[in-house]
Amino acid sequence: MKPPVAEVKLPGKEVKPPVKAVKSPVKAVKPPVKAVKSPVKAVKSPVKAVKSPVKAVKPSVKEVKLPRKEVKPSVMILYVTGRSVGEAPFDAHSMRDVLDQEPCEGVYTVGRTYHSTQVIQWDRHFARLQDSAKELGWGCSFEPSVVRQTLRKMILSASWGDSRFRLFVAQAAPSALRVAIEPFSPLVEERFYHSGVRCVTLPGLFREHPSSKQASWTASREIAVYSLDPEIHTGLLVDENGQLLEGLDCNFYAVRDKRLWTAEQGVLVGLTLRILWEIAPSILPVVREPVSVEDIPFLEEAFLTSSSRGVLPVSAINGIPIGDGKIGSYTCRLRDAFHQWVEDHLVEL
């Protein structure tokens, strides 16, 4: 009986290869599984690629910081005490930063240079500081020659050409005069000298000491400036009788009946105003009195003056056009005469 059993085993051996053949397809399935893992790894690669752009942004962030560092030299500040000159205890990126450091109890004067180191009415700046302090009940003392030399050195050191300067004396330190300068830039674009600027009246806003350059007025003025519409150049102060006195930081003039009207009382008599009083009579009669709000529709011309503006035409007040809306001939003649006066009276610091 053993031989038949042995024969049974032989077919069993032949069956084994098919079983092994079945295992082979199973093993063949494994590569696709591994192939599936490969796409997963491929997905991780784009994620890493996303991180790379983020790193690339970092250099541009550093580049943004560079202009901020370059802004620092745009204002130079020194203190003059007697014949000594010292640095300010703070940094300023703009003249706005300088104003933020000024106490309200103090006086100031501002001006500009021409041809880098030339000025007009230099002595009057010091007279205005002393007169302003005296009106407020205190006095200040300084060496004008030292201040002059200091300002000149600052401008030459800055090497930016024409400058705007601000001299300030605090009541708490009347012998220390602060000198701050920045590059001069026009307050308005050149086109407004041909088209004129728009103004509005500001009834209810008064200067406590209109004839002095008091630092406390600067704070009140800035609040009024921020309240103006961006299309408005400045506001005009009006007294209780409706008389147009002056601008927030400039003098106001009107031409009516071929005469020049401008207030002398209740206003700051600016250095440019004094020049206009000198040159205007050869062009048209001058009346040192203000016009009223009711006169606005009948004004033939109007303009503003300041050391930074020169003679700047006004085209409308409270939305009411001045004259025919064009720059008047008297305004043009006065502007030309002012420029000529400046060139004839420039002196070196």
Protein backbone atom coordinates (compact mmCIF):
# COMPACT_ATOMS: atom_id res chain seq x y z
CA MET A 1 0.00 0.00 0.00
CA LYS A 2 2.95 2.39 0.40
CA PRO A 3 3.47 3.00 -3.36
CA PRO A 4 0.03 4.60 -3.85
CA VAL A 5 0.72 6.92 -0.95
CA ALA A 6 3.97 7.91 -2.58
CA GLU A 7 2.14 8.65 -5.80
CA VAL A 8 -0.27 10.86 -3.95
CA LYS A 9 2.64 12.93 -2.63
CA LEU A 10 4.03 13.49 -6.11
CA PRO A 11 1.01 15.42 -7.37
CA GLY A 12 1.16 17.37 -4.11
CA LYS A 13 4.66 18.51 -4.97
CA GLU A 14 3.53 19.59 -8.40
CA VAL A 15 0.76 21.66 -6.80
CA LYS A 16 3.30 23.62 -4.74
CA PRO A 17 4.55 25.67 -7.67
CA PRO A 18 1.06 27.17 -8.30
CA VAL A 19 0.91 28.14 -4.64
CA LYS A 20 4.27 29.83 -4.99
CA ALA A 21 3.01 31.46 -8.14
CA VAL A 22 0.13 32.93 -6.17
CA LYS A 23 2.55 34.40 -3.67
CA SER A 24 4.42 36.07 -6.46
CA PRO A 25 1.51 38.33 -7.49
CA VAL A 26 1.17 39.35 -3.89
CA LYS A 27 4.78 40.39 -3.82
CA ALA A 28 4.27 42.19 -7.10
CA VAL A 29 1.63 44.32 -5.44
CA LYS A 30 4.16 45.68 -2.96
CA PRO A 31 5.99 47.90 -5.44
CA PRO A 32 2.83 49.91 -6.18
CA VAL A 33 2.50 50.46 -2.45
CA LYS A 34 6.02 51.78 -2.35
CA ALA A 35 5.24 53.85 -5.41
CA VAL A 36 2.36 55.43 -3.52
CA LYS A 37 4.74 56.49 -0.78
CA SER A 38 6.85 58.29 -3.30
CA PRO A 39 4.12 60.78 -4.26
CA VAL A 40 3.69 61.51 -0.59
CA LYS A 41 7.34 62.47 -0.38
CA ALA A 42 6.92 64.54 -3.49
CA VAL A 43 4.17 66.50 -1.74
CA LYS A 44 6.54 67.37 1.09
CA SER A 45 8.90 69.01 -1.34
CA PRO A 46 6.45 71.76 -2.40
CA VAL A 47 5.92 72.54 1.26
CA LYS A 48 9.63 73.18 1.63
CA ALA A 49 9.51 75.32 -1.50
CA VAL A 50 6.87 77.50 0.15
CA LYS A 51 9.19 78.19 3.08
CA SER A 52 11.86 79.48 0.76
CA PRO A 53 9.87 82.53 -0.47
CA VAL A 54 9.23 83.52 3.14
CA LYS A 55 12.96 83.62 3.77
CA ALA A 56 13.41 85.66 0.60
CA VAL A 57 11.13 88.37 2.00
CA LYS A 58 13.43 89.08 4.95
CA PRO A 59 15.99 91.14 2.99
CA SER A 60 13.22 93.48 1.79
CA VAL A 61 12.20 94.10 5.40
CA LYS A 62 15.74 95.23 6.19
CA GLU A 63 15.69 97.53 3.18
CA VAL A 64 12.62 99.32 4.54
CA LYS A 65 14.53 100.27 7.69
CA LEU A 66 17.25 102.08 5.76
CA PRO A 67 15.20 105.16 4.76
CA ARG A 68 14.21 105.62 8.41
CA LYS A 69 17.84 105.91 9.37
CA GLU A 70 18.42 108.44 6.61
CA VAL A 71 15.63 110.67 7.96
CA LYS A 72 17.56 111.50 11.17
CA PRO A 73 19.90 114.13 9.65
CA SER A 74 16.94 116.08 8.20
CA VAL A 75 16.82 118.21 11.37
CA MET A 76 19.80 119.62 13.26
CA ILE A 77 19.43 121.05 16.77
CA LEU A 78 21.90 122.90 18.98
CA TYR A 79 21.61 124.96 22.16
CA VAL A 80 23.39 128.29 22.54
CA THR A 81 23.94 129.42 26.12
CA GLY A 82 25.97 132.56 26.31
CA ARG A 83 29.05 131.79 24.21
CA SER A 84 28.74 128.03 24.66
CA VAL A 85 27.14 125.67 22.15
CA GLY A 86 25.84 122.22 23.06
CA GLU A 87 23.83 119.40 21.56
CA ALA A 88 20.12 118.89 22.18
CA PRO A 89 19.17 116.11 24.63
CA PHE A 90 16.82 114.54 22.07
CA ASP A 91 16.76 113.41 18.43
CA ALA A 92 14.32 114.76 15.87
CA HIS A 93 13.28 113.31 12.54
CA SER A 94 11.35 116.43 11.54
CA MET A 95 10.51 119.91 12.77
CA ARG A 96 7.29 118.37 14.07
CA ASP A 97 9.37 116.36 16.53
CA VAL A 98 11.07 119.58 17.59
CA LEU A 99 7.71 121.21 18.32
CA ASP A 100 6.68 118.22 20.42
CA GLN A 101 9.66 118.90 22.68
CA GLU A 102 8.82 122.59 23.21
CA PRO A 103 7.15 123.66 26.46
CA CYS A 104 4.19 126.01 26.06
CA GLU A 105 5.91 128.63 28.21
CA GLY A 106 8.32 130.01 25.66
CA VAL A 107 8.76 132.28 22.62
CA TYR A 108 10.05 131.61 19.14
CA THR A 109 10.77 133.06 15.73
CA VAL A 110 11.06 131.32 12.38
CA GLY A 111 12.67 132.21 9.08
CA ARG A 112 14.40 130.86 6.03
CA THR A 113 17.69 131.26 4.24
CA TYR A 114 18.35 132.11 0.60
CA HIS A 115 21.27 130.91 -1.48
CA SER A 116 22.12 128.59 1.40
CA THR A 117 23.55 131.05 3.97
CA GLN A 118 21.91 134.40 3.23
CA VAL A 119 19.05 135.91 5.25
CA ILE A 120 16.89 139.04 5.51
CA GLN A 121 16.01 141.06 8.60
CA TRP A 122 18.28 138.99 10.83
CA ASP A 123 18.33 141.53 13.67
CA ARG A 124 14.53 141.70 13.73
CA HIS A 125 14.34 138.02 14.63
CA PHE A 126 16.14 138.71 17.92
CA ALA A 127 14.09 141.84 18.55
CA ARG A 128 10.93 139.76 18.11
CA LEU A 129 12.13 137.15 20.61
CA GLN A 130 12.90 139.78 23.20
CA ASP A 131 9.68 141.74 22.60
CA SER A 132 7.58 138.56 22.81
CA ALA A 133 9.17 137.53 26.11
CA LYS A 134 8.78 141.03 27.51
CA GLU A 135 5.08 141.08 26.65
CA LEU A 136 4.65 137.83 28.58
CA GLY A 137 6.35 139.31 31.63
CA TRP A 138 9.85 137.87 31.45
CA GLY A 139 13.10 138.49 29.64
CA CYS A 140 15.65 136.50 27.66
CA SER A 141 19.31 137.07 26.96
CA PHE A 142 21.68 135.63 24.37
CA GLU A 143 24.64 136.51 22.19
CA PRO A 144 23.31 137.28 18.67
CA SER A 145 26.78 136.95 17.14
CA VAL A 146 27.23 133.46 18.59
CA VAL A 147 23.77 132.41 17.40
CA ARG A 148 24.56 133.75 13.94
CA GLN A 149 27.86 131.88 13.71
CA THR A 150 26.23 128.71 15.04
CA LEU A 151 23.43 128.84 12.47
CA ARG A 152 25.90 129.39 9.66
CA LYS A 153 28.05 126.43 10.71
CA MET A 154 25.00 124.20 11.02
CA ILE A 155 23.82 125.07 7.50
CA LEU A 156 27.26 124.55 5.97
CA SER A 157 27.62 121.25 7.82
CA ALA A 158 24.20 120.05 6.63
CA SER A 159 25.02 120.89 2.99
CA TRP A 160 21.39 120.80 1.90
CA GLY A 161 21.18 124.34 0.53
CA ASP A 162 18.36 126.65 1.66
CA SER A 163 17.13 125.98 5.19
CA ARG A 164 14.19 126.80 7.42
CA PHE A 165 15.27 127.76 10.94
CA ARG A 166 13.45 128.04 14.26
CA LEU A 167 14.84 129.88 17.29
CA PHE A 168 13.20 129.07 20.62
CA VAL A 169 13.68 130.28 24.20
CA ALA A 170 11.89 128.64 27.13
CA GLN A 171 10.75 130.76 30.05
CA ALA A 172 12.31 128.22 32.41
CA ALA A 173 15.75 128.72 30.77
CA PRO A 174 15.76 132.26 29.32
CA SER A 175 19.50 132.26 28.65
CA ALA A 176 19.47 129.12 26.52
CA LEU A 177 18.40 129.57 22.91
CA ARG A 178 17.61 126.50 20.85
CA VAL A 179 18.50 126.59 17.16
CA ALA A 180 16.81 124.04 14.88
CA ILE A 181 17.13 123.81 11.11
CA GLU A 182 15.65 121.64 8.39
CA PRO A 183 15.85 121.69 4.57
CA PHE A 184 13.66 124.42 3.17
CA SER A 185 10.77 123.26 1.01
CA PRO A 186 7.81 125.37 -0.18
CA LEU A 187 4.64 124.99 1.86
CA VAL A 188 2.60 124.66 -1.35
CA GLU A 189 3.22 123.49 -4.88
CA GLU A 190 4.32 126.06 -7.44
CA ARG A 191 1.01 125.80 -9.29
CA PHE A 192 -0.83 127.46 -6.40
CA TYR A 193 1.16 130.65 -6.96
CA HIS A 194 -0.63 130.81 -10.31
CA SER A 195 -4.07 129.45 -9.35
CA GLY A 196 -4.37 130.56 -5.71
CA VAL A 197 -5.30 128.66 -2.54
CA ARG A 198 -8.62 128.24 -0.74
CA CYS A 199 -9.24 129.46 2.81
CA VAL A 200 -12.05 129.34 5.37
CA THR A 201 -12.89 131.59 8.30
CA LEU A 202 -12.51 130.26 11.85
CA PRO A 203 -14.84 132.30 14.08
CA GLY A 204 -14.32 131.77 17.77
CA LEU A 205 -10.57 131.06 17.57
CA PHE A 206 -8.48 133.82 19.13
CA ARG A 207 -4.85 134.42 20.01
CA GLU A 208 -4.42 135.42 23.64
CA HIS A 209 -1.29 137.43 22.81
CA PRO A 210 -1.53 138.11 19.07
CA SER A 211 1.49 140.42 18.92
CA SER A 212 3.92 137.85 20.38
CA LYS A 213 5.32 134.61 19.00
CA GLN A 214 4.18 132.46 21.92
CA ALA A 215 4.77 128.70 21.91
CA SER A 216 1.35 128.00 23.46
CA TRP A 217 -0.29 129.32 20.29
CA THR A 218 1.53 126.68 18.27
CA ALA A 219 -0.40 123.89 20.02
CA SER A 220 -3.77 125.61 19.51
CA ARG A 221 -2.94 126.32 15.89
CA GLU A 222 -2.03 122.71 15.16
CA ILE A 223 -5.40 121.52 16.47
CA ALA A 224 -7.13 123.95 14.09
CA VAL A 225 -4.96 122.84 11.17
CA TYR A 226 -5.90 119.17 11.67
CA SER A 227 -9.59 120.08 11.61
CA LEU A 228 -9.37 121.67 8.16
CA ASP A 229 -10.41 119.94 4.97
CA PRO A 230 -7.35 118.78 2.98
CA GLU A 231 -8.38 121.10 0.14
CA ILE A 232 -8.16 124.14 2.44
CA HIS A 233 -4.77 125.81 2.75
CA THR A 234 -5.36 127.65 6.02
CA GLY A 235 -7.97 129.17 8.28
CA LEU A 236 -8.55 132.90 8.84
CA LEU A 237 -9.08 134.28 12.33
CA VAL A 238 -12.15 136.48 12.77
CA ASP A 239 -12.78 138.85 15.68
CA GLU A 240 -16.10 139.35 17.48
CA ASN A 241 -17.09 142.01 14.93
CA GLY A 242 -16.57 139.74 11.94
CA GLN A 243 -13.28 141.37 10.89
CA LEU A 244 -10.79 139.18 9.00
CA LEU A 245 -7.56 139.43 11.00
CA GLU A 246 -4.90 136.95 9.88
CA GLY A 247 -4.19 133.36 8.96
CA LEU A 248 -3.17 130.64 11.42
CA ASP A 249 0.50 131.27 10.66
CA CYS A 250 0.45 134.09 8.11
CA ASN A 251 -0.84 137.60 7.46
CA PHE A 252 -3.92 138.23 5.33
CA TYR A 253 -4.48 140.99 2.75
CA ALA A 254 -7.39 142.02 0.55
CA VAL A 255 -7.75 144.41 -2.36
CA ARG A 256 -10.99 146.34 -2.53
CA ASP A 257 -11.70 149.60 -4.33
CA LYS A 258 -8.13 149.44 -5.63
CA ARG A 259 -6.72 149.73 -2.12
CA LEU A 260 -4.78 147.21 -0.08
CA TRP A 261 -6.41 146.33 3.26
CA THR A 262 -4.65 144.46 6.07
CA ALA A 263 -5.06 144.46 9.85
CA GLU A 264 -2.49 146.13 12.05
CA GLN A 265 -4.15 145.60 15.44
CA GLY A 266 -5.00 142.21 16.94
CA VAL A 267 -2.51 140.40 14.70
CA LEU A 268 1.11 139.33 14.72
CA VAL A 269 3.01 141.91 12.68
CA GLY A 270 5.16 139.48 10.74
CA LEU A 271 8.49 140.37 9.19
CA THR A 272 7.03 139.90 5.71
CA LEU A 273 4.12 142.19 6.60
CA ARG A 274 6.60 144.96 7.42
CA ILE A 275 8.16 144.50 3.98
CA LEU A 276 4.76 144.78 2.31
CA TRP A 277 4.03 147.99 4.20
CA GLU A 278 7.27 149.31 2.75
CA ILE A 279 6.88 148.31 -0.88
CA ALA A 280 3.07 148.41 -1.40
CA PRO A 281 2.52 152.21 -1.32
CA SER A 282 4.37 152.57 -4.62
CA ILE A 283 1.87 150.16 -6.22
CA LEU A 284 -1.48 151.01 -4.54
CA PRO A 285 -2.76 152.83 -1.43
CA VAL A 286 -2.51 150.88 1.83
CA VAL A 287 -5.19 150.87 4.55
CA ARG A 288 -4.00 149.30 7.81
CA GLU A 289 -7.43 148.04 8.73
CA PRO A 290 -9.13 144.67 8.18
CA VAL A 291 -11.98 143.87 5.84
CA SER A 292 -15.01 142.00 7.18
CA VAL A 293 -16.56 138.64 6.41
CA GLU A 294 -19.39 140.53 4.71
CA ASP A 295 -16.86 142.06 2.29
CA ILE A 296 -15.71 138.68 0.92
CA PRO A 297 -18.08 138.63 -2.12
CA PHE A 298 -16.85 142.10 -3.11
CA LEU A 299 -13.10 141.58 -2.76
CA GLU A 300 -11.13 142.06 -5.97
CA GLU A 301 -8.02 140.21 -4.82
CA ALA A 302 -6.63 138.53 -1.70
CA PHE A 303 -3.35 136.94 -0.66
CA LEU A 304 -1.29 135.67 2.29
CA THR A 305 2.30 136.35 3.31
CA SER A 306 4.89 134.67 5.54
CA SER A 307 8.60 134.02 5.45
CA SER A 308 8.04 130.54 3.98
CA ARG A 309 5.26 131.52 1.56
CA GLY A 310 6.32 134.90 0.25
CA VAL A 311 3.20 136.32 -1.44
CA LEU A 312 0.62 133.55 -1.96
CA PRO A 313 -2.66 134.34 -3.82
CA VAL A 314 -6.05 133.36 -2.39
CA SER A 315 -8.67 132.19 -4.89
CA ALA A 316 -11.64 131.60 -2.56
CA ILE A 317 -12.79 132.12 1.03
CA ASN A 318 -15.61 129.97 2.45
CA GLY A 319 -16.20 128.73 -1.08
CA ILE A 320 -16.77 132.26 -2.40
CA PRO A 321 -14.49 133.10 -5.37
CA ILE A 322 -12.25 136.13 -4.98
CA GLY A 323 -12.71 138.51 -7.90
CA ASP A 324 -13.00 136.63 -11.16
CA GLY A 325 -11.19 133.61 -9.72
CA LYS A 326 -7.90 134.55 -11.36
CA ILE A 327 -4.77 136.01 -9.81
CA GLY A 328 -5.09 139.78 -9.78
CA SER A 329 -2.61 142.23 -11.24
CA TYR A 330 -1.90 143.92 -7.90
CA THR A 331 -1.04 140.58 -6.30
CA CYS A 332 1.37 139.80 -9.13
CA ARG A 333 3.04 143.19 -8.91
CA LEU A 334 3.39 142.95 -5.15
CA ARG A 335 4.84 139.45 -5.44
CA ASP A 336 7.43 140.62 -7.96
CA ALA A 337 8.27 143.64 -5.83
CA PHE A 338 8.68 141.42 -2.77
CA HIS A 339 11.09 139.10 -4.58
CA GLN A 340 13.14 142.06 -5.72
CA TRP A 341 13.21 143.52 -2.20
CA VAL A 342 14.51 140.21 -0.85
CA GLU A 343 17.32 140.04 -3.42
CA ASP A 344 18.31 143.63 -2.63
CA HIS A 345 18.46 143.07 1.15
CA LEU A 346 20.10 139.66 1.52
CA VAL A 347 23.08 139.47 3.88
CA GLU A 348 25.44 136.64 4.75
CA LEU A 349 25.14 134.97 8.11
